[in-house]
Amino acid sequence: MKLTVEISKYPLHQDYIPFIKDFIDRLNEHKELKVITNTLSTQVFGDYDTVMAVLSAEIKRSYEQFGKAIFVCKFLYGDLSPQD
């Protein structure tokens, strides 16, 4: 089963850009996922189990490394990525 997730991260820190960039960079290291980033959010596309496992690990890592942050996620059934 395929899954699409739209994520916005809001670090509770004055210097927030490095916190967001680090999270996006780590998502992009997972070659089995398709990751598209724009100015408002990051979209992640892939197999349901893979996407959920990666997000669980990377969100946990963000909390451990950087502390408090808010993640707003929208989960949509299927792969809604733009077709290249």
PDB file of N, CA and C in Angstrom:
ATOM      1  N   MET A   1       0.850  -1.172   0.000  1.00  0.00           N
ATOM      2  CA  MET A   1       0.000   0.000   0.000  1.00  0.00           C
ATOM      3  C   MET A   1       0.898   1.237   0.000  1.00  0.00           C
ATOM      4  N   LYS A   2       0.522   2.208  -0.791  1.00  0.00           N
ATOM      5  CA  LYS A   2       1.282   3.454  -0.887  1.00  0.00           C
ATOM      6  C   LYS A   2       0.682   4.524   0.020  1.00  0.00           C
ATOM      7  N   LEU A   3       1.543   5.470   0.432  1.00  0.00           N
ATOM      8  CA  LEU A   3       1.130   6.528   1.348  1.00  0.00           C
ATOM      9  C   LEU A   3       1.774   7.845   0.942  1.00  0.00           C
ATOM     10  N   THR A   4       1.041   8.913   1.113  1.00  0.00           N
ATOM     11  CA  THR A   4       1.539  10.273   0.937  1.00  0.00           C
ATOM     12  C   THR A   4       1.394  10.990   2.271  1.00  0.00           C
ATOM     13  N   VAL A   5       2.452  11.675   2.700  1.00  0.00           N
ATOM     14  CA  VAL A   5       2.404  12.443   3.942  1.00  0.00           C
ATOM     15  C   VAL A   5       2.926  13.842   3.668  1.00  0.00           C
ATOM     16  N   GLU A   6       2.177  14.821   4.123  1.00  0.00           N
ATOM     17  CA  GLU A   6       2.634  16.216   4.063  1.00  0.00           C
ATOM     18  C   GLU A   6       2.993  16.633   5.489  1.00  0.00           C
ATOM     19  N   ILE A   7       4.226  17.118   5.663  1.00  0.00           N
ATOM     20  CA  ILE A   7       4.743  17.429   6.998  1.00  0.00           C
ATOM     21  C   ILE A   7       5.201  18.881   7.055  1.00  0.00           C
ATOM     22  N   SER A   8       4.828  19.548   8.137  1.00  0.00           N
ATOM     23  CA  SER A   8       5.386  20.854   8.471  1.00  0.00           C
ATOM     24  C   SER A   8       5.985  20.733   9.867  1.00  0.00           C
ATOM     25  N   LYS A   9       7.226  21.200  10.012  1.00  0.00           N
ATOM     26  CA  LYS A   9       7.904  21.142  11.303  1.00  0.00           C
ATOM     27  C   LYS A   9       8.088  22.556  11.823  1.00  0.00           C
ATOM     28  N   TYR A  10       7.740  22.758  13.089  1.00  0.00           N
ATOM     29  CA  TYR A  10       7.875  24.057  13.735  1.00  0.00           C
ATOM     30  C   TYR A  10       8.712  23.900  14.997  1.00  0.00           C
ATOM     31  N   PRO A  11      10.032  24.047  14.881  1.00  0.00           N
ATOM     32  CA  PRO A  11      10.877  23.957  16.077  1.00  0.00           C
ATOM     33  C   PRO A  11      10.586  25.117  17.020  1.00  0.00           C
ATOM     34  N   LEU A  12      10.530  24.827  18.293  1.00  0.00           N
ATOM     35  CA  LEU A  12      10.297  25.869  19.287  1.00  0.00           C
ATOM     36  C   LEU A  12      11.649  26.425  19.714  1.00  0.00           C
ATOM     37  N   HIS A  13      12.282  27.094  18.757  1.00  0.00           N
ATOM     38  CA  HIS A  13      13.625  27.628  18.938  1.00  0.00           C
ATOM     39  C   HIS A  13      13.758  28.857  18.042  1.00  0.00           C
ATOM     40  N   GLN A  14      14.445  29.861  18.516  1.00  0.00           N
ATOM     41  CA  GLN A  14      14.573  31.102  17.758  1.00  0.00           C
ATOM     42  C   GLN A  14      15.307  30.897  16.426  1.00  0.00           C
ATOM     43  N   ASP A  15      16.348  30.087  16.421  1.00  0.00           N
ATOM     44  CA  ASP A  15      17.117  29.803  15.213  1.00  0.00           C
ATOM     45  C   ASP A  15      16.592  28.502  14.605  1.00  0.00           C
ATOM     46  N   TYR A  16      15.427  28.546  13.974  1.00  0.00           N
ATOM     47  CA  TYR A  16      14.700  27.350  13.578  1.00  0.00           C
ATOM     48  C   TYR A  16      15.145  26.720  12.262  1.00  0.00           C
ATOM     49  N   ILE A  17      15.758  27.462  11.366  1.00  0.00           N
ATOM     50  CA  ILE A  17      16.076  26.946  10.028  1.00  0.00           C
ATOM     51  C   ILE A  17      16.990  25.713  10.068  1.00  0.00           C
ATOM     52  N   PRO A  18      18.090  25.704  10.842  1.00  0.00           N
ATOM     53  CA  PRO A  18      18.929  24.490  10.867  1.00  0.00           C
ATOM     54  C   PRO A  18      18.189  23.250  11.374  1.00  0.00           C
ATOM     55  N   PHE A  19      17.232  23.423  12.255  1.00  0.00           N
ATOM     56  CA  PHE A  19      16.458  22.310  12.789  1.00  0.00           C
ATOM     57  C   PHE A  19      15.588  21.692  11.690  1.00  0.00           C
ATOM     58  N   ILE A  20      14.972  22.541  10.891  1.00  0.00           N
ATOM     59  CA  ILE A  20      14.125  22.068   9.790  1.00  0.00           C
ATOM     60  C   ILE A  20      14.981  21.435   8.705  1.00  0.00           C
ATOM     61  N   LYS A  21      16.052  22.110   8.331  1.00  0.00           N
ATOM     62  CA  LYS A  21      16.941  21.612   7.276  1.00  0.00           C
ATOM     63  C   LYS A  21      17.500  20.241   7.629  1.00  0.00           C
ATOM     64  N   ASP A  22      17.910  20.050   8.859  1.00  0.00           N
ATOM     65  CA  ASP A  22      18.444  18.759   9.281  1.00  0.00           C
ATOM     66  C   ASP A  22      17.405  17.651   9.099  1.00  0.00           C
ATOM     67  N   PHE A  23      16.178  17.903   9.489  1.00  0.00           N
ATOM     68  CA  PHE A  23      15.111  16.908   9.350  1.00  0.00           C
ATOM     69  C   PHE A  23      14.888  16.556   7.875  1.00  0.00           C
ATOM     70  N   ILE A  24      14.826  17.564   7.020  1.00  0.00           N
ATOM     71  CA  ILE A  24      14.616  17.327   5.589  1.00  0.00           C
ATOM     72  C   ILE A  24      15.801  16.570   4.992  1.00  0.00           C
ATOM     73  N   ASP A  25      17.006  16.955   5.356  1.00  0.00           N
ATOM     74  CA  ASP A  25      18.201  16.261   4.853  1.00  0.00           C
ATOM     75  C   ASP A  25      18.174  14.784   5.236  1.00  0.00           C
ATOM     76  N   ARG A  26      17.771  14.491   6.458  1.00  0.00           N
ATOM     77  CA  ARG A  26      17.705  13.094   6.901  1.00  0.00           C
ATOM     78  C   ARG A  26      16.633  12.319   6.129  1.00  0.00           C
ATOM     79  N   LEU A  27      15.495  12.947   5.855  1.00  0.00           N
ATOM     80  CA  LEU A  27      14.473  12.270   5.046  1.00  0.00           C
ATOM     81  C   LEU A  27      15.008  11.947   3.660  1.00  0.00           C
ATOM     82  N   ASN A  28      15.765  12.863   3.089  1.00  0.00           N
ATOM     83  CA  ASN A  28      16.312  12.664   1.744  1.00  0.00           C
ATOM     84  C   ASN A  28      17.361  11.562   1.688  1.00  0.00           C
ATOM     85  N   GLU A  29      17.902  11.150   2.806  1.00  0.00           N
ATOM     86  CA  GLU A  29      18.872  10.050   2.834  1.00  0.00           C
ATOM     87  C   GLU A  29      18.210   8.699   2.591  1.00  0.00           C
ATOM     88  N   HIS A  30      16.908   8.622   2.744  1.00  0.00           N
ATOM     89  CA  HIS A  30      16.167   7.376   2.553  1.00  0.00           C
ATOM     90  C   HIS A  30      15.745   7.277   1.085  1.00  0.00           C
ATOM     91  N   LYS A  31      16.572   6.594   0.301  1.00  0.00           N
ATOM     92  CA  LYS A  31      16.381   6.531  -1.158  1.00  0.00           C
ATOM     93  C   LYS A  31      15.107   5.799  -1.569  1.00  0.00           C
ATOM     94  N   GLU A  32      14.532   5.017  -0.659  1.00  0.00           N
ATOM     95  CA  GLU A  32      13.304   4.299  -0.988  1.00  0.00           C
ATOM     96  C   GLU A  32      12.071   5.212  -0.926  1.00  0.00           C
ATOM     97  N   LEU A  33      12.259   6.444  -0.471  1.00  0.00           N
ATOM     98  CA  LEU A  33      11.173   7.423  -0.407  1.00  0.00           C
ATOM     99  C   LEU A  33      11.372   8.503  -1.457  1.00  0.00           C
ATOM    100  N   LYS A  34      10.276   9.067  -1.903  1.00  0.00           N
ATOM    101  CA  LYS A  34      10.334  10.264  -2.735  1.00  0.00           C
ATOM    102  C   LYS A  34       9.998  11.429  -1.816  1.00  0.00           C
ATOM    103  N   VAL A  35      10.866  12.447  -1.783  1.00  0.00           N
ATOM    104  CA  VAL A  35      10.688  13.585  -0.885  1.00  0.00           C
ATOM    105  C   VAL A  35      10.699  14.855  -1.725  1.00  0.00           C
ATOM    106  N   ILE A  36       9.658  15.654  -1.580  1.00  0.00           N
ATOM    107  CA  ILE A  36       9.551  16.939  -2.278  1.00  0.00           C
ATOM    108  C   ILE A  36       9.338  18.015  -1.223  1.00  0.00           C
ATOM    109  N   THR A  37      10.171  19.053  -1.276  1.00  0.00           N
ATOM    110  CA  THR A  37      10.102  20.137  -0.290  1.00  0.00           C
ATOM    111  C   THR A  37       9.760  21.448  -0.989  1.00  0.00           C
ATOM    112  N   ASN A  38       8.886  22.223  -0.355  1.00  0.00           N
ATOM    113  CA  ASN A  38       8.618  23.583  -0.812  1.00  0.00           C
ATOM    114  C   ASN A  38       8.705  24.508   0.396  1.00  0.00           C
ATOM    115  N   THR A  39       8.341  25.751   0.240  1.00  0.00           N
ATOM    116  CA  THR A  39       8.506  26.723   1.329  1.00  0.00           C
ATOM    117  C   THR A  39       7.568  26.489   2.510  1.00  0.00           C
ATOM    118  N   LEU A  40       6.509  25.731   2.324  1.00  0.00           N
ATOM    119  CA  LEU A  40       5.537  25.530   3.399  1.00  0.00           C
ATOM    120  C   LEU A  40       5.582  24.159   4.046  1.00  0.00           C
ATOM    121  N   SER A  41       6.008  23.144   3.289  1.00  0.00           N
ATOM    122  CA  SER A  41       5.962  21.787   3.829  1.00  0.00           C
ATOM    123  C   SER A  41       6.867  20.866   3.033  1.00  0.00           C
ATOM    124  N   THR A  42       6.932  19.637   3.518  1.00  0.00           N
ATOM    125  CA  THR A  42       7.656  18.572   2.832  1.00  0.00           C
ATOM    126  C   THR A  42       6.678  17.433   2.604  1.00  0.00           C
ATOM    127  N   GLN A  43       6.662  16.921   1.383  1.00  0.00           N
ATOM    128  CA  GLN A  43       5.805  15.792   1.065  1.00  0.00           C
ATOM    129  C   GLN A  43       6.687  14.548   0.947  1.00  0.00           C
ATOM    130  N   VAL A  44       6.206  13.451   1.532  1.00  0.00           N
ATOM    131  CA  VAL A  44       6.920  12.183   1.509  1.00  0.00           C
ATOM    132  C   VAL A  44       5.992  11.146   0.882  1.00  0.00           C
ATOM    133  N   PHE A  45       6.531  10.382  -0.072  1.00  0.00           N
ATOM    134  CA  PHE A  45       5.756   9.391  -0.807  1.00  0.00           C
ATOM    135  C   PHE A  45       6.483   8.057  -0.750  1.00  0.00           C
ATOM    136  N   GLY A  46       5.736   6.974  -0.556  1.00  0.00           N
ATOM    137  CA  GLY A  46       6.356   5.660  -0.569  1.00  0.00           C
ATOM    138  C   GLY A  46       5.450   4.596  -0.011  1.00  0.00           C
ATOM    139  N   ASP A  47       6.037   3.431   0.226  1.00  0.00           N
ATOM    140  CA  ASP A  47       5.322   2.313   0.820  1.00  0.00           C
ATOM    141  C   ASP A  47       4.898   2.677   2.242  1.00  0.00           C
ATOM    142  N   TYR A  48       3.678   2.349   2.609  1.00  0.00           N
ATOM    143  CA  TYR A  48       3.117   2.729   3.902  1.00  0.00           C
ATOM    144  C   TYR A  48       4.039   2.373   5.066  1.00  0.00           C
ATOM    145  N   ASP A  49       4.436   1.103   5.142  1.00  0.00           N
ATOM    146  CA  ASP A  49       5.254   0.659   6.272  1.00  0.00           C
ATOM    147  C   ASP A  49       6.602   1.367   6.311  1.00  0.00           C
ATOM    148  N   THR A  50       7.190   1.591   5.161  1.00  0.00           N
ATOM    149  CA  THR A  50       8.484   2.269   5.089  1.00  0.00           C
ATOM    150  C   THR A  50       8.357   3.725   5.528  1.00  0.00           C
ATOM    151  N   VAL A  51       7.356   4.423   4.988  1.00  0.00           N
ATOM    152  CA  VAL A  51       7.146   5.835   5.342  1.00  0.00           C
ATOM    153  C   VAL A  51       6.923   5.974   6.848  1.00  0.00           C
ATOM    154  N   MET A  52       6.070   5.140   7.404  1.00  0.00           N
ATOM    155  CA  MET A  52       5.767   5.246   8.827  1.00  0.00           C
ATOM    156  C   MET A  52       6.989   4.941   9.690  1.00  0.00           C
ATOM    157  N   ALA A  53       7.773   3.942   9.307  1.00  0.00           N
ATOM    158  CA  ALA A  53       8.976   3.596  10.072  1.00  0.00           C
ATOM    159  C   ALA A  53      10.002   4.727  10.009  1.00  0.00           C
ATOM    160  N   VAL A  54      10.203   5.292   8.828  1.00  0.00           N
ATOM    161  CA  VAL A  54      11.164   6.396   8.678  1.00  0.00           C
ATOM    162  C   VAL A  54      10.704   7.606   9.472  1.00  0.00           C
ATOM    163  N   LEU A  55       9.433   7.979   9.350  1.00  0.00           N
ATOM    164  CA  LEU A  55       8.935   9.143  10.084  1.00  0.00           C
ATOM    165  C   LEU A  55       9.041   8.937  11.587  1.00  0.00           C
ATOM    166  N   SER A  56       8.704   7.767  12.054  1.00  0.00           N
ATOM    167  CA  SER A  56       8.809   7.480  13.486  1.00  0.00           C
ATOM    168  C   SER A  56      10.246   7.663  13.968  1.00  0.00           C
ATOM    169  N   ALA A  57      11.187   7.103  13.244  1.00  0.00           N
ATOM    170  CA  ALA A  57      12.598   7.205  13.644  1.00  0.00           C
ATOM    171  C   ALA A  57      13.119   8.632  13.547  1.00  0.00           C
ATOM    172  N   GLU A  58      12.781   9.330  12.477  1.00  0.00           N
ATOM    173  CA  GLU A  58      13.331  10.672  12.268  1.00  0.00           C
ATOM    174  C   GLU A  58      12.674  11.723  13.166  1.00  0.00           C
ATOM    175  N   ILE A  59      11.406  11.584  13.459  1.00  0.00           N
ATOM    176  CA  ILE A  59      10.767  12.501  14.402  1.00  0.00           C
ATOM    177  C   ILE A  59      11.344  12.286  15.799  1.00  0.00           C
ATOM    178  N   LYS A  60      11.509  11.030  16.183  1.00  0.00           N
ATOM    179  CA  LYS A  60      12.113  10.737  17.478  1.00  0.00           C
ATOM    180  C   LYS A  60      13.521  11.321  17.555  1.00  0.00           C
ATOM    181  N   ARG A  61      14.307  11.131  16.498  1.00  0.00           N
ATOM    182  CA  ARG A  61      15.671  11.674  16.471  1.00  0.00           C
ATOM    183  C   ARG A  61      15.665  13.195  16.590  1.00  0.00           C
ATOM    184  N   SER A  62      14.701  13.856  15.938  1.00  0.00           N
ATOM    185  CA  SER A  62      14.588  15.316  16.039  1.00  0.00           C
ATOM    186  C   SER A  62      14.347  15.752  17.479  1.00  0.00           C
ATOM    187  N   TYR A  63      13.456  15.054  18.159  1.00  0.00           N
ATOM    188  CA  TYR A  63      13.193  15.396  19.555  1.00  0.00           C
ATOM    189  C   TYR A  63      14.429  15.171  20.422  1.00  0.00           C
ATOM    190  N   GLU A  64      15.112  14.071  20.192  1.00  0.00           N
ATOM    191  CA  GLU A  64      16.305  13.766  20.990  1.00  0.00           C
ATOM    192  C   GLU A  64      17.424  14.773  20.749  1.00  0.00           C
ATOM    193  N   GLN A  65      17.612  15.202  19.500  1.00  0.00           N
ATOM    194  CA  GLN A  65      18.696  16.120  19.164  1.00  0.00           C
ATOM    195  C   GLN A  65      18.384  17.568  19.502  1.00  0.00           C
ATOM    196  N   PHE A  66      17.170  17.994  19.184  1.00  0.00           N
ATOM    197  CA  PHE A  66      16.861  19.419  19.221  1.00  0.00           C
ATOM    198  C   PHE A  66      15.813  19.829  20.244  1.00  0.00           C
ATOM    199  N   GLY A  67      15.169  18.888  20.876  1.00  0.00           N
ATOM    200  CA  GLY A  67      14.173  19.237  21.877  1.00  0.00           C
ATOM    201  C   GLY A  67      12.805  19.501  21.275  1.00  0.00           C
ATOM    202  N   LYS A  68      12.117  20.451  21.844  1.00  0.00           N
ATOM    203  CA  LYS A  68      10.712  20.687  21.510  1.00  0.00           C
ATOM    204  C   LYS A  68      10.528  21.168  20.079  1.00  0.00           C
ATOM    205  N   ALA A  69       9.512  20.585  19.447  1.00  0.00           N
ATOM    206  CA  ALA A  69       9.104  20.976  18.100  1.00  0.00           C
ATOM    207  C   ALA A  69       7.679  20.487  17.888  1.00  0.00           C
ATOM    208  N   ILE A  70       7.010  21.132  16.980  1.00  0.00           N
ATOM    209  CA  ILE A  70       5.665  20.728  16.596  1.00  0.00           C
ATOM    210  C   ILE A  70       5.741  20.163  15.188  1.00  0.00           C
ATOM    211  N   PHE A  71       5.168  18.988  14.993  1.00  0.00           N
ATOM    212  CA  PHE A  71       5.053  18.395  13.666  1.00  0.00           C
ATOM    213  C   PHE A  71       3.577  18.358  13.300  1.00  0.00           C
ATOM    214  N   VAL A  72       3.233  18.923  12.164  1.00  0.00           N
ATOM    215  CA  VAL A  72       1.871  18.862  11.645  1.00  0.00           C
ATOM    216  C   VAL A  72       1.928  17.960  10.416  1.00  0.00           C
ATOM    217  N   CYS A  73       1.190  16.860  10.463  1.00  0.00           N
ATOM    218  CA  CYS A  73       1.243  15.873   9.386  1.00  0.00           C
ATOM    219  C   CYS A  73      -0.158  15.590   8.844  1.00  0.00           C
ATOM    220  N   LYS A  74      -0.217  15.458   7.524  1.00  0.00           N
ATOM    221  CA  LYS A  74      -1.440  15.025   6.848  1.00  0.00           C
ATOM    222  C   LYS A  74      -1.113  13.716   6.144  1.00  0.00           C
ATOM    223  N   PHE A  75      -1.906  12.693   6.390  1.00  0.00           N
ATOM    224  CA  PHE A  75      -1.687  11.382   5.798  1.00  0.00           C
ATOM    225  C   PHE A  75      -2.773  11.134   4.755  1.00  0.00           C
ATOM    226  N   LEU A  76      -2.348  10.779   3.552  1.00  0.00           N
ATOM    227  CA  LEU A  76      -3.282  10.525   2.460  1.00  0.00           C
ATOM    228  C   LEU A  76      -3.006   9.159   1.865  1.00  0.00           C
ATOM    229  N   TYR A  77      -4.043   8.416   1.632  1.00  0.00           N
ATOM    230  CA  TYR A  77      -3.913   7.091   1.031  1.00  0.00           C
ATOM    231  C   TYR A  77      -3.418   7.226  -0.406  1.00  0.00           C
ATOM    232  N   GLY A  78      -2.448   6.407  -0.781  1.00  0.00           N
ATOM    233  CA  GLY A  78      -1.965   6.357  -2.154  1.00  0.00           C
ATOM    234  C   GLY A  78      -0.750   7.235  -2.378  1.00  0.00           C
ATOM    235  N   ASP A  79      -0.162   7.064  -3.538  1.00  0.00           N
ATOM    236  CA  ASP A  79       0.987   7.869  -3.952  1.00  0.00           C
ATOM    237  C   ASP A  79       0.466   9.017  -4.806  1.00  0.00           C
ATOM    238  N   LEU A  80       0.420  10.202  -4.223  1.00  0.00           N
ATOM    239  CA  LEU A  80      -0.099  11.366  -4.928  1.00  0.00           C
ATOM    240  C   LEU A  80       1.021  12.263  -5.447  1.00  0.00           C
ATOM    241  N   SER A  81       2.215  11.684  -5.599  1.00  0.00           N
ATOM    242  CA  SER A  81       3.359  12.461  -6.090  1.00  0.00           C
ATOM    243  C   SER A  81       3.148  12.849  -7.540  1.00  0.00           C
ATOM    244  N   PRO A  82       3.704  14.007  -7.929  1.00  0.00           N
ATOM    245  CA  PRO A  82       3.626  14.393  -9.338  1.00  0.00           C
ATOM    246  C   PRO A  82       4.371  13.352 -10.183  1.00  0.00           C
ATOM    247  N   GLN A  83       3.794  12.958 -11.255  1.00  0.00           N
ATOM    248  CA  GLN A  83       4.438  11.986 -12.128  1.00  0.00           C
ATOM    249  C   GLN A  83       5.425  12.687 -13.039  1.00  0.00           C
ATOM    250  N   ASP A  84       6.680  12.268 -12.963  1.00  0.00           N
ATOM    251  CA  ASP A  84       7.748  12.886 -13.758  1.00  0.00           C
ATOM    252  C   ASP A  84       7.633  12.540 -15.214  1.00  0.00           C
TER     253      ASP A  84
END
